[in-house]
Amino acid sequence: MGLIIQQRALQAAGRLRQVLPIVRKRDRSLCDQIHRAMNSVVLNIAEADGNDAGTARARFASACGSAKEVRAGLQVMAHTSSSLSSR
C-alpha cells in the first residue's frame, strides 16, 4: 500500500466498524451513511495515489469531504444519544 494517509484511513475505518453496531441499533440509516462515507474516504485516497496532480487533488478533496461527513454523522449520533439520556 502506497500512501501513509491511506494506511491511517484504513485504521480509522477498522476502529469505526467497532462502533457502527451501536449506531445501527439507534439509527440504521445514519449508520449506513457513516459507513458509506468512511468507505469513500479510503477509496478516494486510494484513487488519488498515482494520479496526476489535478486529479489527485480532487480525490483528496472528496476524501476530506467524506471524512467531515463521518465526523458529522458521529456528532449527530452523540447529540441524539445525550438528548435521549437527559430525558
Protein backbone atom coordinates (compact mmCIF):
# COMPACT_ATOMS: atom_id res chain seq x y z
CA MET A 1 0.00 0.00 0.00
CA GLY A 2 1.40 3.36 -1.02
CA LEU A 3 0.28 6.37 0.96
CA ILE A 4 0.61 6.72 4.73
CA ILE A 5 -2.70 8.58 4.81
CA GLN A 6 -4.38 5.57 3.21
CA GLN A 7 -2.99 3.33 5.96
CA ARG A 8 -4.31 5.77 8.59
CA ALA A 9 -7.72 5.89 6.91
CA LEU A 10 -7.90 2.09 6.91
CA GLN A 11 -7.02 2.04 10.62
CA ALA A 12 -9.72 4.61 11.33
CA ALA A 13 -12.21 2.59 9.28
CA GLY A 14 -11.38 -0.50 11.31
CA ARG A 15 -11.97 1.34 14.58
CA LEU A 16 -15.16 2.89 13.25
CA ARG A 17 -16.51 -0.54 12.32
CA GLN A 18 -16.35 -1.44 16.01
CA VAL A 19 -18.70 1.47 16.84
CA LEU A 20 -21.13 1.05 13.95
CA PRO A 21 -23.21 -1.74 15.54
CA ILE A 22 -24.04 0.66 18.38
CA VAL A 23 -25.04 3.35 15.91
CA ARG A 24 -27.06 0.84 13.87
CA LYS A 25 -29.18 -0.08 16.93
CA ARG A 26 -30.28 3.54 17.27
CA ASP A 27 -30.38 4.72 13.65
CA ARG A 28 -29.88 2.26 10.81
CA SER A 29 -29.98 4.93 8.10
CA LEU A 30 -27.36 7.09 9.81
CA CYS A 31 -25.18 4.03 10.34
CA ASP A 32 -25.33 3.18 6.65
CA GLN A 33 -24.48 6.76 5.69
CA ILE A 34 -21.49 6.89 8.05
CA HIS A 35 -20.31 3.52 6.72
CA ARG A 36 -20.56 4.66 3.09
CA ALA A 37 -18.78 7.92 3.87
CA MET A 38 -15.89 6.12 5.60
CA ASN A 39 -15.55 3.76 2.65
CA SER A 40 -15.49 6.81 0.39
CA VAL A 41 -12.61 8.30 2.38
CA VAL A 42 -10.47 5.20 1.90
CA LEU A 43 -11.45 4.69 -1.74
CA ASN A 44 -10.86 8.31 -2.77
CA ILE A 45 -7.41 8.30 -1.15
CA ALA A 46 -6.58 5.07 -2.97
CA GLU A 47 -7.80 6.57 -6.24
CA ALA A 48 -5.63 9.66 -5.72
CA ASP A 49 -2.47 7.56 -5.40
CA GLY A 50 -0.73 7.54 -8.75
CA ASN A 51 -2.99 10.07 -10.47
CA ASP A 52 -1.84 13.36 -11.95
CA ALA A 53 -1.72 16.28 -9.52
CA GLY A 54 -5.07 17.81 -10.54
CA THR A 55 -6.99 14.54 -10.32
CA ALA A 56 -5.25 13.60 -7.06
CA ARG A 57 -6.16 16.94 -5.54
CA ALA A 58 -9.83 16.42 -6.47
CA ARG A 59 -9.83 12.91 -4.94
CA PHE A 60 -8.19 14.19 -1.75
CA ALA A 61 -10.81 16.96 -1.58
CA SER A 62 -13.55 14.33 -1.93
CA ALA A 63 -11.92 12.23 0.80
CA CYS A 64 -11.80 15.28 3.06
CA GLY A 65 -15.48 15.97 2.46
CA SER A 66 -16.37 12.38 3.23
CA ALA A 67 -14.28 12.47 6.42
CA LYS A 68 -16.21 15.55 7.51
CA GLU A 69 -19.43 13.65 6.77
CA VAL A 70 -18.27 10.79 9.02
CA ARG A 71 -17.45 13.27 11.78
CA ALA A 72 -20.82 14.99 11.45
CA GLY A 73 -22.65 11.65 11.50
CA LEU A 74 -20.89 10.68 14.72
CA GLN A 75 -21.70 14.09 16.18
CA VAL A 76 -25.37 13.65 15.30
CA MET A 77 -25.33 10.25 16.98
CA ALA A 78 -23.60 11.62 20.10
CA HIS A 79 -26.03 14.54 20.30
CA THR A 80 -29.03 12.30 19.84
CA SER A 81 -27.74 9.89 22.50
CA SER A 82 -27.10 12.66 25.01
CA SER A 83 -30.54 14.16 24.31
CA LEU A 84 -32.20 10.80 24.93
CA SER A 85 -30.31 10.16 28.16
CA SER A 86 -31.17 13.60 29.59
CA ARG A 87 -34.91 12.98 29.32
